[in-house]
Each structure stands twice: as structure tokens, then as C-alpha cells.
Amino acid sequence: MTDTDEAERPLTPASLDYTHLPDQTMYKVSLDDASHFEQGGDDIRTYPVCFTNEFKLLYFEMDPGAVIDWHTHAPSFDEVCLCLDGAARYTLKREDGDEQVLRAEQREFVYLPGGARHKIETIGETTHQGLVAMPPDSVGRLELLEGDGPSQTADWPVALWVDRIRDEVVKKDENAVTE
């Protein structure tokens, strides 16, 4: 197959029957207008950007010197953090007491396994900006086993929350979300 063959073939057939698909609406979230919550003081701001039945996406900012102190998630709660700007030190404490330390800089990802006791610290004089992808809530929101912060998703100012099973928008911040 050549590039030309691929370009001529549509990605979605024109005859696709949309009746079995959920609502096909895109949304845009403006962080400038979105609400956030603070973790451990006003030097850490977390913006719950988008939730679905499959994932959660959060944007966060940590001022120079800020620390998201030791906390632990449930074993099924893996997360992936992308450093957008600045730098951060991620520290994982293993069961034997040893620590693994990774420095994340712009365009680098850090994978944190579920159940890991960890902390995140800003490095340097620049605000650390990050994007976190994580699974949806586990049963009863047992995600935060140790640490501070609102552990109930219902307490989070989510900009856009789409229930793909029921095909409905559960929550939409009218100030931050547009179609």
C-alpha cells in the first residue's frame, strides 16, 4: 500500500450508521476560565479538566518550592504524568524503604504504578506545569489512601464530565467549556 492509496481511502466510511454511537459532540476546555482546587496551600493548583467512564485528565501547576507530599493511591490506580513546563522530582518509596527518584522535565512522562507511595516536588525557579492521566474512580473512591486533598471526586470542580455509558454530560462548567 502506498501513501497515495491511504490518502484516497476515507478513515470513516461515508455509509457509517451513527445510530449505535453515543452523541458525537466535541468540547473545548479553557483553563483560563476553569475552576481548580488547591493541594497543600495556594502554591499547588489542580484543574480537573475532563472525566469520562474510561479516564480522568487533570492539569496542575506547582509554584517553585511546592511539594505534593507523600500520598498513596489504591493498587488499581496507575497514573501517567506529563511535564509541560518547568521540572519536578518524583520520589517513590518502595516496600523495603528504598526510594526511587526521577527528574521530569518538559516533554517527559512519569509512570506511577498503582499503590505506590510517592511525592512530587518542583525543582528550580520555574512553575512546574503537568498533565495527569488516570483511570476512572474505583469503587467508593478509595483512590487516596494517604495524603491531603479532596479525595471525593464529587468535591472536585470538574470542567467537563461525560458519562459515555448513559450518553450524557454529567457536569459542564459553562464558563470554561464550549462546543
N, C-alpha and C. Protein backbone atom coordinates (compact mmCIF):
# COMPACT_ATOMS: atom_id res chain seq x y z
N MET A 1 0.85 -1.18 0.00
CA MET A 1 0.00 0.00 0.00
C MET A 1 0.89 1.24 0.00
N THR A 2 0.55 2.19 -0.81
CA THR A 2 1.31 3.43 -0.90
C THR A 2 0.64 4.52 -0.10
N ASP A 3 1.36 5.64 0.11
CA ASP A 3 0.78 6.79 0.80
C ASP A 3 -0.43 7.33 0.04
N THR A 4 -0.38 7.25 -1.29
CA THR A 4 -1.48 7.73 -2.12
C THR A 4 -2.73 6.89 -1.88
N ASP A 5 -2.56 5.55 -1.84
CA ASP A 5 -3.70 4.66 -1.57
C ASP A 5 -4.35 4.99 -0.24
N GLU A 6 -3.54 5.22 0.77
CA GLU A 6 -4.03 5.54 2.11
C GLU A 6 -4.78 6.87 2.11
N ALA A 7 -4.26 7.86 1.40
CA ALA A 7 -4.89 9.18 1.36
C ALA A 7 -6.23 9.15 0.64
N GLU A 8 -6.39 8.27 -0.31
CA GLU A 8 -7.64 8.20 -1.08
C GLU A 8 -8.72 7.42 -0.34
N ARG A 9 -8.34 6.58 0.58
CA ARG A 9 -9.31 5.78 1.33
C ARG A 9 -9.77 6.56 2.55
N PRO A 10 -11.06 6.77 2.70
CA PRO A 10 -11.54 7.54 3.86
C PRO A 10 -11.34 6.75 5.16
N LEU A 11 -11.04 7.46 6.23
CA LEU A 11 -10.86 6.81 7.52
C LEU A 11 -12.18 6.29 8.07
N THR A 12 -13.25 6.99 7.77
CA THR A 12 -14.58 6.58 8.19
C THR A 12 -15.44 6.44 6.94
N PRO A 13 -16.03 5.28 6.75
CA PRO A 13 -16.86 5.10 5.54
C PRO A 13 -18.03 6.08 5.54
N ALA A 14 -18.35 6.61 4.38
CA ALA A 14 -19.46 7.56 4.24
C ALA A 14 -20.78 6.92 4.64
N SER A 15 -20.88 5.61 4.53
CA SER A 15 -22.12 4.91 4.84
C SER A 15 -22.24 4.51 6.31
N LEU A 16 -21.35 4.99 7.17
CA LEU A 16 -21.36 4.62 8.58
C LEU A 16 -22.71 4.95 9.21
N ASP A 17 -23.28 3.98 9.91
CA ASP A 17 -24.56 4.16 10.60
C ASP A 17 -24.26 4.67 12.01
N TYR A 18 -24.58 5.93 12.27
CA TYR A 18 -24.28 6.56 13.55
C TYR A 18 -25.30 6.23 14.64
N THR A 19 -26.35 5.51 14.33
CA THR A 19 -27.41 5.29 15.32
C THR A 19 -26.96 4.49 16.53
N HIS A 20 -25.92 3.70 16.40
CA HIS A 20 -25.44 2.90 17.53
C HIS A 20 -24.34 3.61 18.33
N LEU A 21 -23.95 4.80 17.90
CA LEU A 21 -22.88 5.54 18.57
C LEU A 21 -23.45 6.55 19.56
N PRO A 22 -22.68 6.87 20.61
CA PRO A 22 -23.12 7.94 21.52
C PRO A 22 -23.08 9.29 20.81
N ASP A 23 -23.61 10.31 21.46
CA ASP A 23 -23.62 11.66 20.92
C ASP A 23 -22.22 12.04 20.45
N GLN A 24 -22.13 12.59 19.27
CA GLN A 24 -20.85 12.95 18.67
C GLN A 24 -20.61 14.45 18.78
N THR A 25 -20.32 14.91 19.99
CA THR A 25 -20.06 16.32 20.25
C THR A 25 -18.66 16.47 20.83
N MET A 26 -17.88 17.39 20.27
CA MET A 26 -16.57 17.73 20.82
C MET A 26 -16.75 18.90 21.77
N TYR A 27 -15.83 19.00 22.73
CA TYR A 27 -15.84 20.11 23.68
C TYR A 27 -14.44 20.67 23.80
N LYS A 28 -14.35 21.95 24.08
CA LYS A 28 -13.08 22.62 24.33
C LYS A 28 -13.13 23.18 25.75
N VAL A 29 -12.06 22.97 26.52
CA VAL A 29 -11.98 23.47 27.90
C VAL A 29 -10.90 24.53 27.96
N SER A 30 -11.27 25.71 28.45
CA SER A 30 -10.32 26.80 28.65
C SER A 30 -9.85 26.81 30.10
N LEU A 31 -8.57 26.57 30.31
CA LEU A 31 -8.05 26.60 31.68
C LEU A 31 -8.13 27.99 32.28
N ASP A 32 -8.09 29.02 31.44
CA ASP A 32 -8.19 30.38 31.95
C ASP A 32 -9.52 30.63 32.66
N ASP A 33 -10.55 29.88 32.27
CA ASP A 33 -11.88 30.06 32.85
C ASP A 33 -12.31 28.91 33.76
N ALA A 34 -11.50 27.87 33.84
CA ALA A 34 -11.86 26.69 34.63
C ALA A 34 -11.56 26.89 36.12
N SER A 35 -12.31 26.20 36.94
CA SER A 35 -12.09 26.23 38.38
C SER A 35 -11.01 25.22 38.75
N HIS A 36 -10.43 25.40 39.93
CA HIS A 36 -9.40 24.48 40.40
C HIS A 36 -9.55 24.29 41.91
N PHE A 37 -8.82 23.33 42.44
CA PHE A 37 -8.71 23.21 43.89
C PHE A 37 -7.24 23.26 44.25
N GLU A 38 -6.96 23.60 45.50
CA GLU A 38 -5.59 23.75 45.96
C GLU A 38 -5.21 22.55 46.80
N GLN A 39 -4.00 22.07 46.61
CA GLN A 39 -3.47 20.95 47.37
C GLN A 39 -2.36 21.45 48.26
N GLY A 40 -2.53 21.38 49.55
CA GLY A 40 -1.47 21.76 50.47
C GLY A 40 -1.14 23.24 50.45
N GLY A 41 -2.10 24.09 50.20
CA GLY A 41 -1.86 25.53 50.16
C GLY A 41 -2.07 26.08 48.77
N ASP A 42 -1.90 27.40 48.64
CA ASP A 42 -2.20 28.03 47.35
C ASP A 42 -1.07 27.93 46.34
N ASP A 43 0.00 27.19 46.66
CA ASP A 43 1.11 27.06 45.72
C ASP A 43 0.97 25.86 44.78
N ILE A 44 -0.13 25.09 44.94
CA ILE A 44 -0.42 23.97 44.04
C ILE A 44 -1.87 24.08 43.61
N ARG A 45 -2.08 24.20 42.30
CA ARG A 45 -3.43 24.33 41.76
C ARG A 45 -3.71 23.16 40.82
N THR A 46 -4.81 22.46 41.08
CA THR A 46 -5.20 21.32 40.27
C THR A 46 -6.52 21.60 39.57
N TYR A 47 -6.52 21.41 38.26
CA TYR A 47 -7.70 21.65 37.42
C TYR A 47 -8.20 20.31 36.89
N PRO A 48 -9.30 19.79 37.42
CA PRO A 48 -9.88 18.57 36.84
C PRO A 48 -10.50 18.92 35.48
N VAL A 49 -9.83 18.58 34.41
CA VAL A 49 -10.19 19.03 33.08
C VAL A 49 -11.34 18.22 32.48
N CYS A 50 -11.18 16.90 32.42
CA CYS A 50 -12.18 16.08 31.75
C CYS A 50 -12.23 14.69 32.38
N PHE A 51 -13.45 14.23 32.69
CA PHE A 51 -13.68 12.88 33.20
C PHE A 51 -14.61 12.15 32.24
N THR A 52 -14.35 10.87 32.03
CA THR A 52 -15.29 10.00 31.32
C THR A 52 -15.33 8.68 32.10
N ASN A 53 -16.02 7.70 31.56
CA ASN A 53 -16.05 6.38 32.18
C ASN A 53 -14.72 5.65 32.00
N GLU A 54 -13.89 6.15 31.11
CA GLU A 54 -12.64 5.47 30.79
C GLU A 54 -11.38 6.11 31.37
N PHE A 55 -11.42 7.42 31.65
CA PHE A 55 -10.22 8.10 32.13
C PHE A 55 -10.57 9.41 32.83
N LYS A 56 -9.58 9.95 33.53
CA LYS A 56 -9.64 11.29 34.10
C LYS A 56 -8.37 12.02 33.64
N LEU A 57 -8.53 13.30 33.34
CA LEU A 57 -7.41 14.12 32.91
C LEU A 57 -7.37 15.37 33.79
N LEU A 58 -6.23 15.59 34.44
CA LEU A 58 -6.05 16.75 35.31
C LEU A 58 -4.83 17.54 34.86
N TYR A 59 -4.95 18.85 34.92
CA TYR A 59 -3.83 19.76 34.68
C TYR A 59 -3.47 20.32 36.05
N PHE A 60 -2.17 20.48 36.34
CA PHE A 60 -1.79 21.07 37.62
C PHE A 60 -0.59 21.99 37.47
N GLU A 61 -0.52 22.95 38.39
CA GLU A 61 0.60 23.89 38.46
C GLU A 61 1.16 23.87 39.87
N MET A 62 2.48 23.78 39.97
CA MET A 62 3.16 23.81 41.25
C MET A 62 4.19 24.93 41.22
N ASP A 63 4.03 25.90 42.11
CA ASP A 63 4.97 27.01 42.18
C ASP A 63 6.35 26.51 42.62
N PRO A 64 7.40 27.30 42.37
CA PRO A 64 8.73 26.91 42.84
C PRO A 64 8.70 26.60 44.33
N GLY A 65 9.33 25.49 44.70
CA GLY A 65 9.38 25.07 46.10
C GLY A 65 8.16 24.28 46.56
N ALA A 66 7.14 24.16 45.75
CA ALA A 66 5.91 23.45 46.15
C ALA A 66 6.14 21.94 46.17
N VAL A 67 5.41 21.27 47.08
CA VAL A 67 5.51 19.83 47.24
C VAL A 67 4.12 19.23 47.38
N ILE A 68 3.81 18.23 46.58
CA ILE A 68 2.66 17.37 46.84
C ILE A 68 3.24 16.25 47.69
N ASP A 69 2.98 16.31 48.98
CA ASP A 69 3.65 15.44 49.94
C ASP A 69 3.25 13.97 49.75
N TRP A 70 3.88 13.13 50.53
CA TRP A 70 3.68 11.69 50.43
C TRP A 70 2.21 11.36 50.41
N HIS A 71 1.82 10.54 49.45
CA HIS A 71 0.45 10.03 49.38
C HIS A 71 0.47 8.70 48.63
N THR A 72 -0.60 7.96 48.81
CA THR A 72 -0.70 6.62 48.25
C THR A 72 -2.06 6.45 47.59
N HIS A 73 -2.06 5.88 46.41
CA HIS A 73 -3.30 5.57 45.71
C HIS A 73 -3.61 4.08 45.86
N ALA A 74 -4.83 3.71 45.54
CA ALA A 74 -5.22 2.30 45.56
C ALA A 74 -4.41 1.52 44.51
N PRO A 75 -4.24 0.21 44.72
CA PRO A 75 -3.42 -0.58 43.81
C PRO A 75 -3.87 -0.55 42.35
N SER A 76 -5.13 -0.32 42.08
CA SER A 76 -5.61 -0.30 40.70
C SER A 76 -5.50 1.08 40.05
N PHE A 77 -4.90 2.04 40.75
CA PHE A 77 -4.91 3.42 40.31
C PHE A 77 -3.55 3.86 39.78
N ASP A 78 -3.21 3.42 38.55
CA ASP A 78 -1.99 3.89 37.89
C ASP A 78 -2.21 5.32 37.41
N GLU A 79 -1.14 6.10 37.32
CA GLU A 79 -1.25 7.42 36.72
C GLU A 79 -0.02 7.70 35.88
N VAL A 80 -0.21 8.53 34.85
CA VAL A 80 0.87 8.95 33.98
C VAL A 80 0.90 10.47 34.00
N CYS A 81 2.06 11.04 34.31
CA CYS A 81 2.21 12.49 34.41
C CYS A 81 3.13 12.98 33.30
N LEU A 82 2.69 14.02 32.59
CA LEU A 82 3.49 14.65 31.54
C LEU A 82 3.92 16.02 32.04
N CYS A 83 5.21 16.29 32.02
CA CYS A 83 5.73 17.61 32.37
C CYS A 83 5.59 18.51 31.15
N LEU A 84 4.79 19.56 31.29
CA LEU A 84 4.59 20.52 30.21
C LEU A 84 5.59 21.66 30.27
N ASP A 85 5.95 22.05 31.50
CA ASP A 85 6.89 23.16 31.69
C ASP A 85 7.52 23.03 33.07
N GLY A 86 8.70 23.61 33.22
CA GLY A 86 9.41 23.52 34.49
C GLY A 86 10.00 22.13 34.67
N ALA A 87 10.23 21.78 35.93
CA ALA A 87 10.79 20.46 36.24
C ALA A 87 10.29 20.03 37.61
N ALA A 88 10.24 18.71 37.79
CA ALA A 88 9.78 18.16 39.07
C ALA A 88 10.57 16.91 39.41
N ARG A 89 10.65 16.67 40.71
CA ARG A 89 11.28 15.45 41.22
C ARG A 89 10.16 14.55 41.74
N TYR A 90 10.07 13.35 41.20
CA TYR A 90 9.10 12.34 41.63
C TYR A 90 9.86 11.32 42.47
N THR A 91 9.38 11.09 43.68
CA THR A 91 10.03 10.14 44.57
C THR A 91 9.04 9.04 44.93
N LEU A 92 9.44 7.80 44.72
CA LEU A 92 8.64 6.63 45.04
C LEU A 92 9.32 5.89 46.18
N LYS A 93 8.57 5.58 47.23
CA LYS A 93 9.13 4.81 48.35
C LYS A 93 8.70 3.37 48.19
N ARG A 94 9.70 2.49 48.11
CA ARG A 94 9.42 1.07 47.95
C ARG A 94 9.15 0.42 49.30
N GLU A 95 8.61 -0.79 49.25
CA GLU A 95 8.25 -1.51 50.47
C GLU A 95 9.45 -1.73 51.39
N ASP A 96 10.64 -1.92 50.81
CA ASP A 96 11.84 -2.16 51.63
C ASP A 96 12.44 -0.87 52.18
N GLY A 97 11.79 0.29 51.90
CA GLY A 97 12.27 1.57 52.40
C GLY A 97 13.15 2.33 51.42
N ASP A 98 13.65 1.63 50.40
CA ASP A 98 14.46 2.31 49.38
C ASP A 98 13.57 3.30 48.62
N GLU A 99 14.19 4.33 48.07
CA GLU A 99 13.48 5.33 47.28
C GLU A 99 14.02 5.35 45.85
N GLN A 100 13.11 5.49 44.92
CA GLN A 100 13.47 5.71 43.53
C GLN A 100 13.13 7.17 43.23
N VAL A 101 14.07 7.91 42.66
CA VAL A 101 13.86 9.32 42.37
C VAL A 101 14.06 9.55 40.88
N LEU A 102 13.08 10.21 40.25
CA LEU A 102 13.16 10.57 38.84
C LEU A 102 12.96 12.08 38.69
N ARG A 103 13.74 12.68 37.83
CA ARG A 103 13.55 14.09 37.50
C ARG A 103 12.81 14.15 36.17
N ALA A 104 11.70 14.89 36.15
CA ALA A 104 10.93 15.05 34.92
C ALA A 104 11.05 16.48 34.44
N GLU A 105 11.41 16.64 33.18
CA GLU A 105 11.49 17.95 32.56
C GLU A 105 10.51 18.00 31.40
N GLN A 106 10.43 19.15 30.77
CA GLN A 106 9.49 19.38 29.69
C GLN A 106 9.51 18.24 28.67
N ARG A 107 8.30 17.77 28.29
CA ARG A 107 8.09 16.72 27.30
C ARG A 107 8.53 15.34 27.80
N GLU A 108 8.63 15.16 29.12
CA GLU A 108 8.93 13.85 29.68
C GLU A 108 7.74 13.36 30.52
N PHE A 109 7.51 12.05 30.44
CA PHE A 109 6.42 11.42 31.16
C PHE A 109 6.97 10.64 32.36
N VAL A 110 6.17 10.54 33.41
CA VAL A 110 6.49 9.67 34.54
C VAL A 110 5.29 8.76 34.76
N TYR A 111 5.55 7.46 34.78
CA TYR A 111 4.52 6.48 35.10
C TYR A 111 4.62 6.15 36.58
N LEU A 112 3.50 6.27 37.30
CA LEU A 112 3.44 5.91 38.71
C LEU A 112 2.50 4.72 38.86
N PRO A 113 3.02 3.58 39.32
CA PRO A 113 2.17 2.40 39.44
C PRO A 113 1.16 2.55 40.58
N GLY A 114 0.02 1.90 40.42
CA GLY A 114 -0.99 1.92 41.47
C GLY A 114 -0.42 1.39 42.77
N GLY A 115 -0.87 1.95 43.88
CA GLY A 115 -0.40 1.52 45.19
C GLY A 115 0.93 2.11 45.60
N ALA A 116 1.56 2.90 44.74
CA ALA A 116 2.88 3.46 45.04
C ALA A 116 2.77 4.63 46.00
N ARG A 117 3.57 4.62 47.05
CA ARG A 117 3.68 5.76 47.95
C ARG A 117 4.66 6.72 47.29
N HIS A 118 4.22 7.96 47.05
CA HIS A 118 5.07 8.87 46.29
C HIS A 118 4.81 10.32 46.67
N LYS A 119 5.74 11.18 46.22
CA LYS A 119 5.57 12.63 46.37
C LYS A 119 6.15 13.30 45.14
N ILE A 120 5.73 14.57 44.92
CA ILE A 120 6.19 15.33 43.76
C ILE A 120 6.66 16.69 44.27
N GLU A 121 7.84 17.11 43.83
CA GLU A 121 8.41 18.39 44.26
C GLU A 121 8.85 19.20 43.04
N THR A 122 8.54 20.49 43.04
CA THR A 122 9.03 21.36 41.98
C THR A 122 10.53 21.56 42.16
N ILE A 123 11.25 21.55 41.04
CA ILE A 123 12.69 21.79 41.04
C ILE A 123 12.94 23.11 40.33
N GLY A 124 13.77 23.96 40.90
CA GLY A 124 14.16 25.20 40.23
C GLY A 124 13.21 26.35 40.53
N GLU A 125 13.37 27.40 39.75
CA GLU A 125 12.65 28.65 39.97
C GLU A 125 11.48 28.86 39.02
N THR A 126 11.12 27.82 38.26
CA THR A 126 10.02 27.91 37.30
C THR A 126 8.85 27.08 37.80
N THR A 127 7.64 27.56 37.58
CA THR A 127 6.45 26.79 37.92
C THR A 127 6.43 25.49 37.13
N HIS A 128 6.18 24.39 37.83
CA HIS A 128 6.04 23.08 37.17
C HIS A 128 4.60 22.95 36.73
N GLN A 129 4.39 22.74 35.43
CA GLN A 129 3.06 22.52 34.88
C GLN A 129 3.00 21.09 34.37
N GLY A 130 1.95 20.38 34.76
CA GLY A 130 1.84 18.99 34.37
C GLY A 130 0.44 18.59 33.97
N LEU A 131 0.37 17.48 33.29
CA LEU A 131 -0.90 16.90 32.86
C LEU A 131 -0.89 15.47 33.34
N VAL A 132 -1.96 15.06 34.03
CA VAL A 132 -2.05 13.72 34.60
C VAL A 132 -3.22 12.97 33.99
N ALA A 133 -2.95 11.76 33.51
CA ALA A 133 -4.00 10.85 33.04
C ALA A 133 -4.09 9.71 34.03
N MET A 134 -5.33 9.35 34.38
CA MET A 134 -5.55 8.30 35.36
C MET A 134 -6.86 7.59 35.06
N PRO A 135 -7.05 6.43 35.68
CA PRO A 135 -8.29 5.70 35.43
C PRO A 135 -9.47 6.37 36.12
N PRO A 136 -10.69 5.95 35.77
CA PRO A 136 -11.86 6.49 36.47
C PRO A 136 -11.87 6.00 37.91
N ASP A 137 -12.80 6.52 38.69
CA ASP A 137 -12.89 6.14 40.10
C ASP A 137 -13.07 4.65 40.27
N SER A 138 -12.39 4.13 41.30
CA SER A 138 -12.63 2.75 41.68
C SER A 138 -13.82 2.75 42.65
N VAL A 139 -14.23 1.62 43.07
CA VAL A 139 -15.41 1.50 43.94
C VAL A 139 -15.26 2.39 45.17
N GLY A 140 -16.26 3.23 45.39
CA GLY A 140 -16.29 4.03 46.60
C GLY A 140 -15.21 5.08 46.70
N ARG A 141 -14.53 5.38 45.62
CA ARG A 141 -13.46 6.38 45.61
C ARG A 141 -12.44 6.11 46.72
N LEU A 142 -11.81 4.94 46.64
CA LEU A 142 -10.79 4.56 47.61
C LEU A 142 -9.40 4.97 47.15
N GLU A 143 -9.34 5.80 46.11
CA GLU A 143 -8.07 6.15 45.47
C GLU A 143 -7.04 6.70 46.42
N LEU A 144 -7.40 7.66 47.25
CA LEU A 144 -6.41 8.29 48.11
C LEU A 144 -6.37 7.59 49.45
N LEU A 145 -5.37 6.76 49.65
CA LEU A 145 -5.25 6.00 50.89
C LEU A 145 -4.47 6.77 51.94
N GLU A 146 -3.64 7.72 51.51
CA GLU A 146 -2.82 8.50 52.42
C GLU A 146 -2.56 9.85 51.75
N GLY A 147 -2.61 10.93 52.52
CA GLY A 147 -2.28 12.24 51.99
C GLY A 147 -3.43 13.20 52.10
N ASP A 148 -3.17 14.46 51.73
CA ASP A 148 -4.17 15.51 51.81
C ASP A 148 -4.83 15.74 50.47
N GLY A 149 -5.89 16.48 50.50
CA GLY A 149 -6.58 16.87 49.27
C GLY A 149 -7.97 16.30 49.23
N PRO A 150 -8.81 16.89 48.41
CA PRO A 150 -10.17 16.36 48.30
C PRO A 150 -10.14 14.99 47.65
N SER A 151 -10.48 13.95 48.40
CA SER A 151 -10.40 12.60 47.87
C SER A 151 -11.70 12.16 47.22
N GLN A 152 -12.77 12.92 47.37
CA GLN A 152 -14.04 12.59 46.74
C GLN A 152 -14.17 13.36 45.44
N THR A 153 -14.32 12.65 44.34
CA THR A 153 -14.46 13.30 43.04
C THR A 153 -15.59 14.32 43.04
N ALA A 154 -16.64 14.03 43.79
CA ALA A 154 -17.77 14.96 43.86
C ALA A 154 -17.36 16.33 44.40
N ASP A 155 -16.27 16.39 45.14
CA ASP A 155 -15.77 17.66 45.69
C ASP A 155 -14.88 18.42 44.71
N TRP A 156 -14.56 17.81 43.57
CA TRP A 156 -13.66 18.43 42.61
C TRP A 156 -14.45 19.32 41.65
N PRO A 157 -13.92 20.48 41.29
CA PRO A 157 -14.59 21.35 40.33
C PRO A 157 -14.30 20.91 38.89
N VAL A 158 -14.88 19.80 38.48
CA VAL A 158 -14.62 19.21 37.17
C VAL A 158 -15.17 20.11 36.07
N ALA A 159 -14.34 20.42 35.08
CA ALA A 159 -14.78 21.28 33.97
C ALA A 159 -15.76 20.52 33.07
N LEU A 160 -15.44 19.28 32.71
CA LEU A 160 -16.30 18.50 31.83
C LEU A 160 -16.32 17.05 32.29
N TRP A 161 -17.51 16.54 32.55
CA TRP A 161 -17.67 15.16 32.99
C TRP A 161 -18.71 14.51 32.10
N VAL A 162 -18.25 13.57 31.26
CA VAL A 162 -19.12 12.92 30.28
C VAL A 162 -19.30 11.46 30.65
N ASP A 163 -20.54 11.04 30.85
CA ASP A 163 -20.87 9.64 31.10
C ASP A 163 -21.16 9.01 29.75
N ARG A 164 -20.21 8.25 29.24
CA ARG A 164 -20.34 7.65 27.91
C ARG A 164 -21.30 6.46 27.93
N ILE A 165 -21.51 5.84 29.08
CA ILE A 165 -22.44 4.71 29.16
C ILE A 165 -23.88 5.21 29.02
N ARG A 166 -24.19 6.27 29.75
CA ARG A 166 -25.54 6.83 29.68
C ARG A 166 -25.68 7.86 28.56
N ASP A 167 -24.57 8.17 27.90
CA ASP A 167 -24.54 9.16 26.83
C ASP A 167 -25.11 10.50 27.29
N GLU A 168 -24.50 11.02 28.38
CA GLU A 168 -24.94 12.31 28.90
C GLU A 168 -23.78 13.07 29.51
N VAL A 169 -23.89 14.38 29.49
CA VAL A 169 -22.92 15.23 30.15
C VAL A 169 -23.37 15.37 31.60
N VAL A 170 -22.58 14.86 32.54
CA VAL A 170 -22.92 14.90 33.96
C VAL A 170 -22.68 16.28 34.52
N LYS A 171 -21.58 16.89 34.11
CA LYS A 171 -21.20 18.21 34.62
C LYS A 171 -20.49 18.97 33.52
N LYS A 172 -20.79 20.24 33.39
CA LYS A 172 -20.15 21.08 32.39
C LYS A 172 -20.05 22.49 32.94
N ASP A 173 -18.85 22.98 33.12
CA ASP A 173 -18.61 24.34 33.58
C ASP A 173 -18.88 25.29 32.42
N GLU A 174 -19.99 25.97 32.46
CA GLU A 174 -20.41 26.84 31.35
C GLU A 174 -19.43 27.96 31.08
N ASN A 175 -18.62 28.34 32.06
CA ASN A 175 -17.62 29.39 31.87
C ASN A 175 -16.38 28.89 31.13
N ALA A 176 -16.07 27.60 31.29
CA ALA A 176 -14.81 27.07 30.76
C ALA A 176 -14.98 26.16 29.55
N VAL A 177 -16.17 25.62 29.33
CA VAL A 177 -16.36 24.60 28.29
C VAL A 177 -17.25 25.13 27.17
N THR A 178 -16.78 24.95 25.95
CA THR A 178 -17.56 25.31 24.76
C THR A 178 -17.59 24.15 23.79
N GLU A 179 -18.55 24.18 22.90
CA GLU A 179 -18.66 23.14 21.86
C GLU A 179 -18.09 23.66 20.57
